[in-house]
């Protein structure tokens, strides 16, 4: 049984060399050896671009094209767009009732964004 990778990107702008060398290159190497899921997190991108949802929508297509261009194979990776999976929103509502502000503040990712 293959191990699973779940990762994603927020379509807030164009991909650049940092994306390729920071993640994309490794994804290309790993894509055949894992059950690989890559989320295009368009709902999360709206937190920074709430005034320009059309930009986010365009970036979903551009980012997907860029990811394919660097060698990610749709036969080996399950690409999905966050807003197209209603269960993600449903689970978000459920889990938001379970996670307290204090618990969030202890999360390293949240801590760094608050600072």
N, C-alpha and C. Protein backbone atom coordinates (compact mmCIF):
# COMPACT_ATOMS: atom_id res chain seq x y z
N UNK A 1 0.84 -1.18 0.00
CA UNK A 1 0.00 0.00 0.00
C UNK A 1 0.89 1.25 0.00
N UNK A 2 0.60 2.16 -0.91
CA UNK A 2 1.38 3.39 -1.01
C UNK A 2 1.04 4.34 0.13
N UNK A 3 2.04 5.09 0.56
CA UNK A 3 1.79 6.18 1.50
C UNK A 3 1.14 7.32 0.73
N UNK A 4 0.55 8.26 1.48
CA UNK A 4 -0.19 9.36 0.87
C UNK A 4 0.49 10.69 1.14
N UNK A 5 0.46 11.54 0.12
CA UNK A 5 0.89 12.93 0.27
C UNK A 5 -0.32 13.80 -0.02
N UNK A 6 -0.59 14.74 0.87
CA UNK A 6 -1.61 15.77 0.65
C UNK A 6 -0.91 17.11 0.83
N UNK A 7 -0.93 17.91 -0.20
CA UNK A 7 -0.30 19.22 -0.15
C UNK A 7 -1.13 20.17 -1.00
N UNK A 8 -0.75 21.43 -1.00
CA UNK A 8 -1.52 22.37 -1.80
C UNK A 8 -0.85 23.71 -1.93
N UNK A 9 -1.46 24.51 -2.77
CA UNK A 9 -1.00 25.88 -3.02
C UNK A 9 -2.21 26.80 -3.08
N UNK A 10 -1.98 28.03 -2.64
CA UNK A 10 -3.03 29.04 -2.76
C UNK A 10 -2.79 29.82 -4.05
N UNK A 11 -3.77 29.92 -4.92
CA UNK A 11 -3.58 30.62 -6.19
C UNK A 11 -3.69 32.14 -6.04
N UNK A 12 -2.69 32.72 -5.39
CA UNK A 12 -2.70 34.17 -5.14
C UNK A 12 -1.91 34.95 -6.17
N UNK A 13 -1.11 34.28 -6.97
CA UNK A 13 -0.30 34.95 -7.98
C UNK A 13 0.41 33.92 -8.84
N UNK A 14 1.34 34.41 -9.65
CA UNK A 14 2.07 33.51 -10.54
C UNK A 14 3.06 32.65 -9.77
N UNK A 15 3.25 31.43 -10.26
CA UNK A 15 4.31 30.59 -9.71
C UNK A 15 5.65 31.15 -10.16
N UNK A 16 6.68 30.91 -9.36
CA UNK A 16 8.02 31.41 -9.69
C UNK A 16 9.04 30.34 -9.35
N UNK A 17 10.31 30.66 -9.55
CA UNK A 17 11.37 29.68 -9.31
C UNK A 17 11.38 29.15 -7.88
N UNK A 18 11.01 29.99 -6.93
CA UNK A 18 10.94 29.54 -5.54
C UNK A 18 9.95 28.41 -5.36
N UNK A 19 8.82 28.49 -6.05
CA UNK A 19 7.85 27.40 -5.99
C UNK A 19 8.45 26.12 -6.58
N UNK A 20 9.14 26.28 -7.71
CA UNK A 20 9.70 25.11 -8.37
C UNK A 20 10.78 24.45 -7.52
N UNK A 21 11.77 25.24 -7.09
CA UNK A 21 12.87 24.67 -6.32
C UNK A 21 12.46 24.33 -4.89
N UNK A 22 11.48 25.03 -4.35
CA UNK A 22 11.03 24.77 -2.99
C UNK A 22 10.12 23.57 -2.85
N UNK A 23 9.33 23.29 -3.88
CA UNK A 23 8.36 22.20 -3.77
C UNK A 23 8.19 21.42 -5.07
N UNK A 24 7.98 22.12 -6.17
CA UNK A 24 7.63 21.48 -7.43
C UNK A 24 8.60 20.41 -7.88
N UNK A 25 9.88 20.69 -7.75
CA UNK A 25 10.90 19.73 -8.14
C UNK A 25 10.76 18.42 -7.35
N UNK A 26 10.54 18.55 -6.05
CA UNK A 26 10.35 17.36 -5.21
C UNK A 26 9.05 16.64 -5.56
N UNK A 27 8.00 17.39 -5.83
CA UNK A 27 6.74 16.76 -6.20
C UNK A 27 6.91 15.91 -7.45
N UNK A 28 7.67 16.43 -8.42
CA UNK A 28 7.91 15.67 -9.65
C UNK A 28 8.59 14.34 -9.35
N UNK A 29 9.53 14.36 -8.42
CA UNK A 29 10.26 13.14 -8.06
C UNK A 29 9.36 12.15 -7.30
N UNK A 30 8.47 12.65 -6.48
CA UNK A 30 7.67 11.80 -5.59
C UNK A 30 6.36 11.31 -6.20
N UNK A 31 5.93 11.92 -7.29
CA UNK A 31 4.57 11.69 -7.78
C UNK A 31 4.24 10.24 -8.13
N UNK A 32 5.17 9.45 -8.53
CA UNK A 32 4.85 8.07 -8.89
C UNK A 32 4.88 7.11 -7.72
N UNK A 33 5.47 7.53 -6.62
CA UNK A 33 5.69 6.62 -5.49
C UNK A 33 4.65 6.74 -4.38
N UNK A 34 3.76 7.70 -4.48
CA UNK A 34 2.78 7.97 -3.42
C UNK A 34 1.40 8.15 -4.03
N UNK A 35 0.36 7.95 -3.21
CA UNK A 35 -0.97 8.43 -3.56
C UNK A 35 -0.92 9.93 -3.30
N UNK A 36 -0.91 10.71 -4.32
CA UNK A 36 -0.56 12.13 -4.25
C UNK A 36 -1.80 12.98 -4.55
N UNK A 37 -2.13 13.86 -3.60
CA UNK A 37 -3.27 14.77 -3.74
C UNK A 37 -2.75 16.20 -3.64
N UNK A 38 -3.06 17.00 -4.64
CA UNK A 38 -2.60 18.39 -4.66
C UNK A 38 -3.82 19.31 -4.72
N UNK A 39 -4.00 20.07 -3.66
CA UNK A 39 -5.14 20.98 -3.55
C UNK A 39 -4.78 22.36 -4.08
N UNK A 40 -5.65 22.90 -4.92
CA UNK A 40 -5.57 24.30 -5.30
C UNK A 40 -6.54 25.02 -4.36
N UNK A 41 -5.99 25.69 -3.36
CA UNK A 41 -6.77 26.22 -2.23
C UNK A 41 -7.33 27.61 -2.55
N UNK A 42 -8.32 27.64 -3.44
CA UNK A 42 -8.87 28.92 -3.88
C UNK A 42 -9.68 29.62 -2.80
N UNK A 43 -10.34 28.89 -1.93
CA UNK A 43 -11.09 29.53 -0.85
C UNK A 43 -10.13 30.22 0.11
N UNK A 44 -9.03 29.56 0.44
CA UNK A 44 -8.02 30.19 1.29
C UNK A 44 -7.41 31.42 0.63
N UNK A 45 -7.25 31.38 -0.69
CA UNK A 45 -6.67 32.53 -1.41
C UNK A 45 -7.57 33.75 -1.30
N UNK A 46 -8.85 33.55 -1.10
CA UNK A 46 -9.78 34.68 -0.99
C UNK A 46 -9.54 35.49 0.29
N UNK A 47 -8.88 34.91 1.29
CA UNK A 47 -8.61 35.67 2.51
C UNK A 47 -7.68 36.84 2.23
N UNK A 48 -6.80 36.70 1.24
CA UNK A 48 -5.89 37.78 0.85
C UNK A 48 -6.41 38.58 -0.35
N UNK A 49 -7.37 38.03 -1.05
CA UNK A 49 -7.86 38.63 -2.30
C UNK A 49 -9.38 38.74 -2.32
N UNK A 50 -9.97 39.04 -1.16
CA UNK A 50 -11.44 39.08 -1.08
C UNK A 50 -12.04 40.12 -2.01
N UNK A 51 -11.27 41.14 -2.36
CA UNK A 51 -11.77 42.19 -3.24
C UNK A 51 -11.58 41.86 -4.72
N UNK A 52 -10.94 40.72 -5.03
CA UNK A 52 -10.68 40.38 -6.42
C UNK A 52 -10.82 38.87 -6.66
N UNK A 53 -12.04 38.35 -6.51
CA UNK A 53 -12.22 36.91 -6.71
C UNK A 53 -11.95 36.46 -8.15
N UNK A 54 -12.12 37.36 -9.11
CA UNK A 54 -11.82 36.99 -10.50
C UNK A 54 -10.35 36.67 -10.68
N UNK A 55 -9.49 37.40 -9.97
CA UNK A 55 -8.05 37.13 -10.02
C UNK A 55 -7.76 35.72 -9.52
N UNK A 56 -8.38 35.36 -8.41
CA UNK A 56 -8.18 34.02 -7.84
C UNK A 56 -8.66 32.97 -8.83
N UNK A 57 -9.82 33.19 -9.42
CA UNK A 57 -10.38 32.24 -10.39
C UNK A 57 -9.43 32.05 -11.58
N UNK A 58 -8.89 33.15 -12.10
CA UNK A 58 -7.91 33.06 -13.21
C UNK A 58 -6.66 32.31 -12.77
N UNK A 59 -6.20 32.62 -11.56
CA UNK A 59 -4.98 32.00 -11.07
C UNK A 59 -5.12 30.49 -10.89
N UNK A 60 -6.32 30.01 -10.62
CA UNK A 60 -6.53 28.56 -10.51
C UNK A 60 -6.11 27.89 -11.82
N UNK A 61 -6.56 28.44 -12.93
CA UNK A 61 -6.24 27.86 -14.24
C UNK A 61 -4.76 28.04 -14.58
N UNK A 62 -4.23 29.24 -14.32
CA UNK A 62 -2.83 29.50 -14.63
C UNK A 62 -1.91 28.63 -13.79
N UNK A 63 -2.22 28.49 -12.51
CA UNK A 63 -1.39 27.67 -11.62
C UNK A 63 -1.43 26.21 -12.05
N UNK A 64 -2.59 25.72 -12.38
CA UNK A 64 -2.71 24.33 -12.82
C UNK A 64 -1.89 24.10 -14.08
N UNK A 65 -1.96 25.03 -15.02
CA UNK A 65 -1.16 24.92 -16.25
C UNK A 65 0.33 24.92 -15.93
N UNK A 66 0.74 25.79 -15.02
CA UNK A 66 2.16 25.84 -14.62
C UNK A 66 2.60 24.53 -13.98
N UNK A 67 1.75 23.96 -13.13
CA UNK A 67 2.10 22.71 -12.46
C UNK A 67 2.24 21.56 -13.46
N UNK A 68 1.38 21.56 -14.45
CA UNK A 68 1.50 20.55 -15.51
C UNK A 68 2.76 20.78 -16.33
N UNK A 69 3.08 22.05 -16.57
CA UNK A 69 4.25 22.40 -17.38
C UNK A 69 5.57 21.99 -16.73
N UNK A 70 5.62 21.97 -15.39
CA UNK A 70 6.88 21.58 -14.74
C UNK A 70 7.03 20.06 -14.66
N UNK A 71 6.00 19.34 -15.06
CA UNK A 71 6.12 17.88 -15.12
C UNK A 71 5.22 17.09 -14.20
N UNK A 72 4.31 17.75 -13.50
CA UNK A 72 3.36 16.99 -12.69
C UNK A 72 2.37 16.30 -13.62
N UNK A 73 2.17 15.03 -13.38
CA UNK A 73 1.39 14.18 -14.28
C UNK A 73 0.00 13.94 -13.68
N UNK A 74 -1.06 14.39 -14.38
CA UNK A 74 -2.42 14.19 -13.85
C UNK A 74 -2.83 12.71 -13.76
N UNK A 75 -2.04 11.83 -14.36
CA UNK A 75 -2.29 10.40 -14.20
C UNK A 75 -1.67 9.85 -12.91
N UNK A 76 -0.81 10.66 -12.28
CA UNK A 76 -0.14 10.24 -11.05
C UNK A 76 -0.54 11.09 -9.84
N UNK A 77 -1.10 12.26 -10.10
CA UNK A 77 -1.47 13.18 -9.02
C UNK A 77 -2.96 13.50 -9.15
N UNK A 78 -3.65 13.51 -8.02
CA UNK A 78 -5.06 13.89 -7.99
C UNK A 78 -5.11 15.39 -7.69
N UNK A 79 -5.34 16.19 -8.71
CA UNK A 79 -5.50 17.63 -8.52
C UNK A 79 -6.95 17.88 -8.10
N UNK A 80 -7.16 18.80 -7.16
CA UNK A 80 -8.53 19.20 -6.86
C UNK A 80 -8.56 20.65 -6.41
N UNK A 81 -9.68 21.30 -6.72
CA UNK A 81 -9.89 22.70 -6.37
C UNK A 81 -10.77 22.72 -5.12
N UNK A 82 -10.28 23.41 -4.09
CA UNK A 82 -10.93 23.42 -2.78
C UNK A 82 -12.42 23.76 -2.87
N UNK A 83 -12.78 24.79 -3.62
CA UNK A 83 -14.17 25.25 -3.67
C UNK A 83 -15.11 24.25 -4.35
N UNK A 84 -14.56 23.28 -5.06
CA UNK A 84 -15.39 22.31 -5.77
C UNK A 84 -15.72 21.09 -4.91
N UNK A 85 -15.20 21.06 -3.68
CA UNK A 85 -15.44 19.93 -2.77
C UNK A 85 -16.28 20.45 -1.60
N UNK A 86 -17.62 20.33 -1.66
CA UNK A 86 -18.47 20.91 -0.62
C UNK A 86 -18.19 20.35 0.77
N UNK A 87 -17.70 19.13 0.84
CA UNK A 87 -17.42 18.53 2.15
C UNK A 87 -16.34 19.29 2.92
N UNK A 88 -15.45 19.97 2.20
CA UNK A 88 -14.41 20.75 2.89
C UNK A 88 -15.07 21.88 3.68
N UNK A 89 -16.01 22.58 3.07
CA UNK A 89 -16.71 23.66 3.78
C UNK A 89 -17.53 23.10 4.94
N UNK A 90 -18.17 21.96 4.72
CA UNK A 90 -18.97 21.35 5.79
C UNK A 90 -18.09 20.97 6.98
N UNK A 91 -16.95 20.36 6.71
CA UNK A 91 -16.04 19.99 7.80
C UNK A 91 -15.46 21.21 8.49
N UNK A 92 -15.23 22.27 7.73
CA UNK A 92 -14.70 23.51 8.32
C UNK A 92 -15.67 24.04 9.37
N UNK A 93 -16.95 24.06 9.05
CA UNK A 93 -17.96 24.53 10.00
C UNK A 93 -17.96 23.63 11.24
N UNK A 94 -17.92 22.34 11.04
CA UNK A 94 -17.92 21.40 12.15
C UNK A 94 -16.69 21.60 13.04
N UNK A 95 -15.50 21.60 12.43
CA UNK A 95 -14.26 21.70 13.22
C UNK A 95 -14.07 23.07 13.84
N UNK A 96 -14.63 24.10 13.24
CA UNK A 96 -14.48 25.44 13.83
C UNK A 96 -15.19 25.52 15.19
N UNK A 97 -16.14 24.64 15.41
CA UNK A 97 -16.81 24.59 16.71
C UNK A 97 -16.00 23.81 17.75
N UNK A 98 -15.01 23.06 17.32
CA UNK A 98 -14.21 22.25 18.23
C UNK A 98 -12.88 22.88 18.61
N UNK A 99 -12.39 23.78 17.77
CA UNK A 99 -11.06 24.36 17.98
C UNK A 99 -11.21 25.73 18.63
N UNK A 100 -10.63 25.89 19.80
CA UNK A 100 -10.73 27.15 20.53
C UNK A 100 -9.66 28.14 20.03
N UNK A 101 -9.86 29.41 20.34
CA UNK A 101 -8.88 30.43 19.99
C UNK A 101 -7.55 30.14 20.68
N UNK A 102 -7.59 29.72 21.93
CA UNK A 102 -6.36 29.40 22.67
C UNK A 102 -5.58 28.28 21.98
N UNK A 103 -6.29 27.29 21.50
CA UNK A 103 -5.62 26.19 20.80
C UNK A 103 -5.01 26.69 19.49
N UNK A 104 -5.72 27.52 18.77
CA UNK A 104 -5.17 28.10 17.54
C UNK A 104 -3.91 28.90 17.82
N UNK A 105 -3.92 29.67 18.89
CA UNK A 105 -2.78 30.51 19.22
C UNK A 105 -1.54 29.70 19.56
N UNK A 106 -1.71 28.44 19.93
CA UNK A 106 -0.56 27.56 20.20
C UNK A 106 -0.03 26.90 18.93
N UNK A 107 -0.77 26.97 17.85
CA UNK A 107 -0.36 26.38 16.58
C UNK A 107 0.79 27.18 15.98
N UNK A 108 1.92 26.54 15.64
CA UNK A 108 3.08 27.27 15.13
C UNK A 108 2.80 28.11 13.88
N UNK A 109 1.96 27.61 12.98
CA UNK A 109 1.65 28.37 11.77
C UNK A 109 0.87 29.63 12.12
N UNK A 110 -0.11 29.49 12.98
CA UNK A 110 -0.92 30.65 13.38
C UNK A 110 -0.06 31.63 14.17
N UNK A 111 0.78 31.11 15.05
CA UNK A 111 1.68 31.98 15.83
C UNK A 111 2.51 32.87 14.92
N UNK A 112 3.08 32.28 13.88
CA UNK A 112 3.95 33.06 12.99
C UNK A 112 3.15 34.10 12.19
N UNK A 113 1.91 33.80 11.87
CA UNK A 113 1.10 34.77 11.13
C UNK A 113 0.61 35.90 12.02
N UNK A 114 0.41 35.62 13.30
CA UNK A 114 -0.03 36.65 14.24
C UNK A 114 1.10 37.62 14.54
N UNK A 115 2.32 37.09 14.64
CA UNK A 115 3.49 37.91 15.02
C UNK A 115 3.81 39.00 14.01
